[in-house]
Amino acid sequence: MLGTNEDKQPARLSVLRNKTWMGKKFFRGDDGDIQKQSNGLFTDGIVRSLEVPNTAQLANLIAKLKPTDALCLGVHNADSNTVRASTRIKSARIQDSGIQCIARTKDHFSFHDGEGWLLIDFDDKDLPQQITDRIDSNGGIYAVLLRLWPELEHGDFLIKPSSSAGVHLPETKPAAVSGFHMFVRIKNACAIPQTLQALHARCWDNGYGYHLISKSGQQLDRSLIDVSVGSPERLIFTADPILLDGILRTPPPVVQQDGAVLCTLQLPVLSEWSRLRDIDRQRSSAEALRVRAEFMDQQAERHVREFGGTLSNARAVVTSRVQGRVLRDADVLDTVSAGMQSVGSILDAMAQGKILACADPIEGRSYNPTAAAILWQSNHKFPVLISHAHGLQTVYRFERFLAGGQRHG
């Protein structure tokens, strides 16, 4: 369904400028081949909330982005359009010094009451072969998206190829990369999460949903639509990459369609899509259990190798972490401020009101060094660790604070 512009504020979004580069950097390795380094951390800089009412202005904005820039689909709640921004911990210290500073969290970012830009973040890197074959047999990804969302044919959208697309050495041709960011203007920015969920359900209805098994054996609900990008504070890295050592980039063209603003999508009334998802989950459960068992064995052996102790104690620590989401004192976390630390030493130094950023307890630093944080809010009796790995919020508790909990060294 197409929307109208009546009684709706123009679309807005935010640009965050970090003090150092973000996104992707390409360089030559020791063997002369192309290597990639990614940085998804926004640590300190400024954020501007801007009115971007159409694809022409969005294309102009994206073309001017620098490697220090990223987008957020939401807008901040500060009084002025431009404000200092930092991490949750650092912003609190800056605020205490009398300088207005916000953190990139939902406390400070939201979708505004008006039009907005929905993001379809397509990446075929982890797609199962049967999904890739289905896309190809149905005319390619754009044809599939039109089947999922027919109104797109007349919509207002911009397609920006992945920043990896077209990267190559002078003596080689660009490798084929099909990932892209598709920005679609919709009538109600607050309904961006709901519309993404509706598209995700349509994927399952049409054979484009699947379960991705994580390295710890977790079954992740996935489709062509990444619903995790529908959060107002989420960083979107769409600026051109940094190219070093004579590496070139011949990117595919940006696709711009000047069309109509689209209305919000609703979840299907019938639950057939969720039934299909449950069937697929059951089908992949045996493989997930096998992956989990192998992962836990590897983690226990690594714990003994790096931190000592017996294998039986290490297995207990890993089992508690992976299956129970409970962290023992003898477990270890990778913190931003001090690297690898035992949970016990972290809790010994923890105080109410304190926040400690760290990697996800299972995925580790290689996934995202700040995917999680230990929080001890002033109105809570005990701290918890909250992770946002894989676009999910997972809460870990600490065994020493559980009823009857005993410290395990």
Protein backbone atom coordinates (compact mmCIF):
# COMPACT_ATOMS: atom_id res chain seq x y z
CA MET A 1 0.00 0.00 0.00
CA LEU A 2 1.30 3.42 -0.94
CA GLY A 3 1.22 6.26 1.55
CA THR A 4 0.68 9.98 1.27
CA ASN A 5 2.62 12.91 2.70
CA GLU A 6 -0.40 14.40 4.46
CA ASP A 7 0.10 15.39 8.11
CA LYS A 8 3.45 13.63 8.40
CA GLN A 9 6.82 15.16 9.16
CA PRO A 10 9.58 14.50 6.59
CA ALA A 11 11.92 11.56 7.16
CA ARG A 12 14.81 12.07 9.56
CA LEU A 13 17.89 10.11 10.57
CA SER A 14 21.21 10.71 12.34
CA VAL A 15 24.85 10.89 11.28
CA LEU A 16 27.48 9.97 13.85
CA ARG A 17 31.05 11.14 13.31
CA ASN A 18 33.64 9.23 15.34
CA LYS A 19 37.10 10.49 16.26
CA THR A 20 38.61 7.51 14.43
CA TRP A 21 37.63 5.42 11.40
CA MET A 22 34.80 2.92 11.41
CA GLY A 23 33.49 0.41 8.89
CA LYS A 24 36.00 -1.44 6.69
CA LYS A 25 39.66 -1.05 5.78
CA PHE A 26 41.40 -3.04 3.04
CA PHE A 27 45.17 -3.63 2.85
CA ARG A 28 47.66 -6.15 1.49
CA GLY A 29 48.75 -9.01 3.70
CA ASP A 30 52.22 -10.53 3.80
CA ASP A 31 51.33 -12.70 0.81
CA GLY A 32 50.18 -9.69 -1.22
CA ASP A 33 46.50 -10.68 -1.13
CA ILE A 34 43.73 -8.36 0.04
CA GLN A 35 43.02 -8.41 3.77
CA LYS A 36 40.06 -6.76 5.50
CA GLN A 37 39.84 -5.10 8.90
CA SER A 38 36.52 -4.03 10.38
CA ASN A 39 35.79 -1.59 13.17
CA GLY A 40 32.24 -1.38 14.46
CA LEU A 41 32.98 0.73 17.51
CA PHE A 42 31.75 4.28 18.01
CA THR A 43 33.73 5.61 20.96
CA ASP A 44 33.58 9.41 20.95
CA GLY A 45 32.45 12.13 18.57
CA ILE A 46 29.33 14.03 17.56
CA VAL A 47 25.88 13.13 16.28
CA ARG A 48 23.65 15.21 14.01
CA SER A 49 19.94 14.56 13.45
CA LEU A 50 18.98 15.59 9.93
CA GLU A 51 15.88 15.94 7.79
CA VAL A 52 16.29 13.69 4.74
CA PRO A 53 12.93 13.83 2.94
CA ASN A 54 13.68 11.97 -0.30
CA THR A 55 16.12 9.64 -2.07
CA ALA A 56 17.92 12.48 -3.84
CA GLN A 57 18.95 14.05 -0.54
CA LEU A 58 19.73 10.65 0.97
CA ALA A 59 22.01 9.81 -1.97
CA ASN A 60 23.77 13.15 -1.59
CA LEU A 61 24.24 12.59 2.15
CA ILE A 62 25.64 9.08 1.72
CA ALA A 63 28.02 10.20 -1.03
CA LYS A 64 29.57 12.71 1.39
CA LEU A 65 30.07 10.27 4.28
CA LYS A 66 33.65 9.82 5.46
CA PRO A 67 35.25 6.68 6.96
CA THR A 68 34.64 8.22 10.39
CA ASP A 69 30.87 8.38 9.75
CA ALA A 70 27.96 6.03 10.32
CA LEU A 71 24.19 6.40 10.14
CA CYS A 72 21.45 5.70 12.67
CA LEU A 73 17.86 5.40 11.50
CA GLY A 74 16.62 7.09 14.67
CA VAL A 75 17.10 10.61 16.02
CA HIS A 76 18.58 11.73 19.32
CA ASN A 77 16.61 13.48 22.06
CA ALA A 78 19.05 16.33 22.80
CA ASP A 79 17.90 19.94 22.50
CA SER A 80 20.13 20.85 19.55
CA ASN A 81 20.52 19.01 16.23
CA THR A 82 24.24 18.45 16.87
CA VAL A 83 25.48 17.09 20.18
CA ARG A 84 28.51 15.32 21.65
CA ALA A 85 28.13 11.53 21.82
CA SER A 86 30.20 8.78 23.35
CA THR A 87 30.00 5.38 25.04
CA ARG A 88 27.66 4.88 27.98
CA ILE A 89 30.50 5.03 30.50
CA LYS A 90 32.41 7.92 28.95
CA SER A 91 29.30 10.02 28.30
CA ALA A 92 28.42 9.89 31.99
CA ARG A 93 31.88 11.24 32.90
CA ILE A 94 31.60 13.99 30.28
CA GLN A 95 28.16 14.94 31.59
CA ASP A 96 29.61 15.20 35.09
CA SER A 97 32.12 17.75 33.79
CA GLY A 98 29.28 20.02 32.65
CA ILE A 99 29.35 19.21 28.92
CA GLN A 100 26.18 17.87 27.32
CA CYS A 101 26.90 14.38 26.00
CA ILE A 102 24.65 11.46 25.14
CA ALA A 103 25.28 7.74 24.80
CA ARG A 104 24.31 5.76 21.71
CA THR A 105 21.54 3.87 23.48
CA LYS A 106 17.75 3.69 23.29
CA ASP A 107 17.68 6.07 26.24
CA HIS A 108 18.78 8.80 23.82
CA PHE A 109 17.72 7.55 20.37
CA SER A 110 14.23 6.81 19.06
CA PHE A 111 12.20 6.86 15.87
CA HIS A 112 10.47 10.20 15.44
CA ASP A 113 6.77 10.76 14.78
CA GLY A 114 6.93 11.06 11.03
CA GLU A 115 8.36 9.42 7.95
CA GLY A 116 11.54 7.38 8.23
CA TRP A 117 14.05 5.25 6.35
CA LEU A 118 13.68 1.49 6.75
CA LEU A 119 16.83 -0.52 6.01
CA ILE A 120 16.95 -3.85 4.18
CA ASP A 121 20.49 -5.06 4.92
CA PHE A 122 21.06 -7.93 2.51
CA ASP A 123 24.12 -10.14 2.84
CA ASP A 124 24.34 -13.55 1.17
CA LYS A 125 27.47 -14.64 3.06
CA ASP A 126 25.72 -17.09 5.40
CA LEU A 127 22.76 -18.04 3.19
CA PRO A 128 22.16 -21.79 2.84
CA GLN A 129 22.66 -23.06 -0.69
CA GLN A 130 18.98 -23.92 -1.08
CA ILE A 131 18.03 -20.30 -0.33
CA THR A 132 20.61 -18.98 -2.81
CA ASP A 133 19.32 -21.38 -5.46
CA ARG A 134 15.73 -20.30 -4.77
CA ILE A 135 16.68 -16.62 -5.21
CA ASP A 136 18.41 -17.37 -8.50
CA SER A 137 15.52 -19.44 -9.84
CA ASN A 138 13.07 -16.63 -9.04
CA GLY A 139 14.87 -13.89 -10.93
CA GLY A 140 17.36 -12.58 -8.37
CA ILE A 141 17.13 -10.76 -5.06
CA TYR A 142 15.29 -7.67 -6.33
CA ALA A 143 12.58 -9.78 -7.96
CA VAL A 144 12.23 -11.73 -4.71
CA LEU A 145 11.91 -8.52 -2.66
CA LEU A 146 9.16 -7.33 -5.02
CA ARG A 147 7.31 -10.58 -4.42
CA LEU A 148 7.65 -10.14 -0.66
CA TRP A 149 6.73 -6.45 -0.79
CA PRO A 150 4.92 -5.64 -4.07
CA GLU A 151 4.54 -1.95 -3.20
CA LEU A 152 8.31 -1.58 -3.56
CA GLU A 153 7.80 -1.36 -7.32
CA HIS A 154 6.53 2.21 -6.88
CA GLY A 155 8.38 3.02 -3.65
CA ASP A 156 10.98 5.64 -2.83
CA PHE A 157 14.24 3.78 -2.26
CA LEU A 158 18.01 3.85 -2.60
CA ILE A 159 20.25 0.79 -3.00
CA LYS A 160 23.86 1.26 -1.88
CA PRO A 161 26.15 -1.72 -2.69
CA SER A 162 28.23 -3.21 0.11
CA SER A 163 31.43 -1.34 0.86
CA SER A 164 33.27 -4.58 -0.01
CA ALA A 165 31.78 -4.60 -3.50
CA GLY A 166 34.25 -3.83 -6.27
CA VAL A 167 37.43 -4.00 -4.16
CA HIS A 168 40.34 -5.47 -6.13
CA LEU A 169 44.06 -5.40 -6.85
CA PRO A 170 45.26 -3.43 -9.89
CA GLU A 171 46.08 -6.64 -11.73
CA THR A 172 42.74 -8.36 -11.01
CA LYS A 173 39.07 -7.80 -11.72
CA PRO A 174 36.57 -6.99 -8.93
CA ALA A 175 35.08 -10.03 -7.26
CA ALA A 176 31.31 -10.38 -7.37
CA VAL A 177 29.70 -9.14 -4.15
CA SER A 178 25.91 -9.04 -4.00
CA GLY A 179 25.35 -7.51 -0.55
CA PHE A 180 23.70 -4.10 -0.28
CA HIS A 181 21.88 -1.57 1.90
CA MET A 182 18.41 -0.72 0.63
CA PHE A 183 16.89 2.37 2.24
CA VAL A 184 13.10 2.52 1.83
CA ARG A 185 11.07 5.57 2.85
CA ILE A 186 8.01 4.60 4.89
CA LYS A 187 5.21 6.72 6.28
CA ASN A 188 5.64 5.87 9.96
CA ALA A 189 9.22 5.65 11.27
CA CYS A 190 8.00 4.18 14.57
CA ALA A 191 6.69 1.18 12.63
CA ILE A 192 10.08 0.26 11.13
CA PRO A 193 10.60 -2.72 13.53
CA GLN A 194 7.05 -3.98 12.87
CA THR A 195 7.47 -3.73 9.09
CA LEU A 196 10.76 -5.64 9.20
CA GLN A 197 9.12 -8.36 11.29
CA ALA A 198 6.28 -8.58 8.74
CA LEU A 199 8.79 -8.97 5.89
CA HIS A 200 10.64 -11.62 7.90
CA ALA A 201 7.37 -13.54 8.32
CA ARG A 202 6.71 -13.26 4.58
CA CYS A 203 10.15 -14.75 3.98
CA TRP A 204 9.20 -17.84 5.98
CA ASP A 205 5.88 -18.02 4.13
CA ASN A 206 7.70 -17.98 0.78
CA GLY A 207 10.61 -20.33 1.53
CA TYR A 208 13.27 -17.74 2.35
CA GLY A 209 13.57 -18.38 6.09
CA TYR A 210 16.18 -20.63 7.72
CA HIS A 211 18.02 -21.34 10.97
CA LEU A 212 21.67 -20.41 11.23
CA ILE A 213 23.55 -22.52 13.78
CA SER A 214 26.02 -20.39 15.73
CA LYS A 215 29.41 -21.70 16.82
CA SER A 216 27.91 -22.54 20.23
CA GLY A 217 25.03 -24.50 18.70
CA GLN A 218 22.38 -21.80 19.07
CA GLN A 219 19.67 -21.91 16.41
CA LEU A 220 19.29 -18.37 15.09
CA ASP A 221 16.06 -17.42 13.32
CA ARG A 222 17.16 -15.88 10.00
CA SER A 223 15.78 -14.86 6.61
CA LEU A 224 16.60 -12.47 3.77
CA ILE A 225 15.46 -9.68 6.12
CA ASP A 226 17.71 -8.74 9.03
CA VAL A 227 15.25 -7.59 11.69
CA SER A 228 18.03 -6.54 14.07
CA VAL A 229 18.72 -3.40 12.02
CA GLY A 230 15.32 -2.01 12.99
CA SER A 231 16.59 -0.29 16.11
CA PRO A 232 16.96 3.51 16.29
CA GLU A 233 20.46 3.52 17.81
CA ARG A 234 21.91 0.83 15.52
CA LEU A 235 25.04 1.87 13.59
CA ILE A 236 24.84 1.53 9.80
CA PHE A 237 28.20 1.56 8.05
CA THR A 238 27.56 2.60 4.48
CA ALA A 239 30.47 4.98 3.80
CA ASP A 240 33.12 3.97 1.27
CA PRO A 241 35.95 1.85 2.77
CA ILE A 242 39.56 2.85 3.40
CA LEU A 243 41.86 1.48 0.66
CA LEU A 244 45.60 1.05 1.30
CA ASP A 245 48.61 -0.40 -0.52
CA GLY A 246 47.38 0.47 -4.00
CA ILE A 247 44.11 -1.46 -3.65
CA LEU A 248 41.38 -0.22 -5.98
CA ARG A 249 37.60 -0.18 -5.87
CA THR A 250 35.25 -0.28 -8.84
CA PRO A 251 31.89 -0.29 -7.06
CA PRO A 252 28.57 -1.23 -8.64
CA PRO A 253 26.34 1.80 -9.25
CA VAL A 254 24.00 3.16 -6.60
CA VAL A 255 20.37 2.55 -7.58
CA GLN A 256 17.97 5.39 -6.86
CA GLN A 257 14.22 5.29 -7.46
CA ASP A 258 12.15 8.40 -6.83
CA GLY A 259 8.78 7.06 -5.82
CA ALA A 260 6.07 7.14 -3.18
CA VAL A 261 6.35 6.77 0.55
CA LEU A 262 5.16 3.30 1.62
CA CYS A 263 2.77 2.37 4.40
CA THR A 264 3.47 0.12 7.35
CA LEU A 265 3.20 -3.66 6.91
CA GLN A 266 1.31 -5.86 9.36
CA LEU A 267 2.26 -9.35 10.50
CA PRO A 268 0.28 -12.06 8.65
CA VAL A 269 -2.97 -12.89 10.41
CA LEU A 270 -2.47 -16.62 9.87
CA SER A 271 0.36 -18.36 11.74
CA GLU A 272 1.53 -20.58 8.87
CA TRP A 273 4.88 -18.80 8.76
CA SER A 274 5.60 -19.59 12.43
CA ARG A 275 4.61 -23.23 11.89
CA LEU A 276 7.07 -23.46 8.99
CA ARG A 277 9.74 -21.91 11.20
CA ASP A 278 9.10 -24.41 13.98
CA ILE A 279 9.37 -27.32 11.53
CA ASP A 280 12.70 -26.04 10.25
CA ARG A 281 13.95 -25.55 13.78
CA GLN A 282 13.09 -29.14 14.65
CA ARG A 283 14.78 -30.35 11.46
CA SER A 284 18.07 -28.66 12.37
CA SER A 285 18.01 -29.44 16.10
CA ALA A 286 20.20 -32.58 15.88
CA GLU A 287 22.96 -30.68 14.07
CA ALA A 288 22.69 -27.84 16.60
CA LEU A 289 23.17 -30.28 19.48
CA ARG A 290 26.23 -31.78 17.77
CA VAL A 291 27.78 -28.32 17.26
CA ARG A 292 27.06 -27.37 20.88
CA ALA A 293 28.69 -30.52 22.28
CA GLU A 294 31.80 -29.95 20.16
CA PHE A 295 31.95 -26.28 21.13
CA MET A 296 31.68 -27.03 24.84
CA ASP A 297 34.47 -29.62 24.65
CA GLN A 298 36.73 -27.11 22.88
CA GLN A 299 35.91 -24.37 25.39
CA ALA A 300 36.63 -26.61 28.39
CA GLU A 301 39.97 -27.71 26.94
CA ARG A 302 40.89 -24.10 26.18
CA HIS A 303 39.97 -23.03 29.72
CA VAL A 304 42.33 -25.61 31.20
CA ARG A 305 45.09 -24.75 28.75
CA GLU A 306 44.93 -20.97 29.35
CA PHE A 307 43.78 -20.67 32.95
CA GLY A 308 44.61 -23.99 34.62
CA GLY A 309 42.46 -26.24 36.77
CA THR A 310 40.94 -29.62 36.08
CA LEU A 311 38.97 -30.56 32.98
CA SER A 312 35.92 -31.50 35.07
CA ASN A 313 35.84 -28.05 36.71
CA ALA A 314 36.33 -26.38 33.34
CA ARG A 315 33.41 -28.36 31.90
CA ALA A 316 31.22 -27.20 34.79
CA VAL A 317 32.18 -23.56 34.16
CA VAL A 318 31.46 -23.82 30.42
CA THR A 319 28.20 -25.73 30.92
CA SER A 320 26.98 -23.11 33.37
CA ARG A 321 27.82 -20.33 30.90
CA VAL A 322 26.44 -21.91 27.71
CA GLN A 323 23.43 -23.86 28.96
CA GLY A 324 22.45 -22.01 32.11
CA ARG A 325 23.48 -18.44 31.20
CA VAL A 326 25.09 -18.33 34.66
CA LEU A 327 28.67 -17.09 35.04
CA ARG A 328 30.83 -18.62 37.78
CA ASP A 329 33.66 -16.76 39.49
CA ALA A 330 36.18 -19.03 37.77
CA ASP A 331 34.89 -18.08 34.32
CA VAL A 332 36.66 -15.43 32.24
CA LEU A 333 35.39 -12.38 30.35
CA ASP A 334 37.14 -10.25 27.72
CA THR A 335 36.70 -6.65 28.89
CA VAL A 336 37.31 -3.51 26.86
CA SER A 337 39.25 -1.77 29.62
CA ALA A 338 41.51 -4.58 30.88
CA GLY A 339 41.32 -7.53 28.50
CA MET A 340 40.81 -11.03 29.92
CA GLN A 341 39.66 -11.01 33.55
CA SER A 342 38.15 -13.62 35.80
CA VAL A 343 34.50 -13.08 36.67
CA GLY A 344 35.43 -13.22 40.34
CA SER A 345 37.95 -10.37 40.10
CA ILE A 346 35.49 -8.28 38.08
CA LEU A 347 32.75 -8.72 40.67
CA ASP A 348 35.15 -7.99 43.53
CA ALA A 349 35.77 -4.54 41.99
CA MET A 350 32.18 -3.93 40.86
CA ALA A 351 30.00 -1.35 42.55
CA GLN A 352 26.42 -0.17 42.13
CA GLY A 353 26.01 2.35 39.33
CA LYS A 354 29.00 0.97 37.44
CA ILE A 355 28.98 -0.35 33.85
CA LEU A 356 31.72 -2.50 32.35
CA ALA A 357 31.75 -3.12 28.58
CA CYS A 358 32.92 -6.54 27.42
CA ALA A 359 32.66 -9.10 24.66
CA ASP A 360 29.84 -11.62 24.54
CA PRO A 361 30.72 -14.51 26.92
CA ILE A 362 30.26 -17.07 24.15
CA GLU A 363 31.14 -15.31 20.89
CA GLY A 364 34.20 -13.46 22.24
CA ARG A 365 36.11 -10.39 21.06
CA SER A 366 36.31 -11.47 17.41
CA TYR A 367 32.54 -11.10 17.10
CA ASN A 368 32.34 -7.66 18.73
CA PRO A 369 34.46 -6.46 21.69
CA THR A 370 31.54 -4.41 23.05
CA ALA A 371 28.61 -6.74 22.33
CA ALA A 372 27.88 -7.01 26.05
CA ALA A 373 28.14 -5.09 29.32
CA ILE A 374 27.97 -5.79 33.03
CA LEU A 375 25.47 -3.43 34.62
CA TRP A 376 24.74 -2.85 38.29
CA GLN A 377 21.96 -0.33 38.38
CA SER A 378 21.48 1.63 41.58
CA ASN A 379 17.97 0.24 42.12
CA HIS A 380 19.00 -3.40 41.56
CA LYS A 381 20.30 -5.70 44.26
CA PHE A 382 22.75 -7.54 42.00
CA PRO A 383 24.59 -6.92 38.72
CA VAL A 384 23.82 -8.76 35.48
CA LEU A 385 25.56 -9.13 32.14
CA ILE A 386 23.46 -8.18 29.11
CA SER A 387 24.58 -9.17 25.63
CA HIS A 388 23.17 -8.09 22.26
CA ALA A 389 25.08 -10.62 20.15
CA HIS A 390 23.26 -11.81 17.02
CA GLY A 391 20.67 -9.06 17.47
CA LEU A 392 19.22 -10.78 20.55
CA GLN A 393 19.18 -9.58 24.13
CA THR A 394 20.56 -12.30 26.40
CA VAL A 395 20.81 -11.88 30.16
CA TYR A 396 23.55 -13.70 32.10
CA ARG A 397 23.41 -13.96 35.87
CA PHE A 398 26.32 -14.38 38.28
CA GLU A 399 26.38 -17.51 40.39
CA ARG A 400 27.78 -15.82 43.51
CA PHE A 401 24.57 -13.76 43.78
CA LEU A 402 22.12 -16.59 43.25
CA ALA A 403 20.28 -17.99 46.26
CA GLY A 404 22.56 -20.52 47.90
CA GLY A 405 25.26 -19.85 45.31
CA GLN A 406 28.77 -20.97 46.18
CA ARG A 407 31.99 -19.61 44.71
CA HIS A 408 33.82 -22.04 42.48
CA GLY A 409 37.51 -21.41 42.07
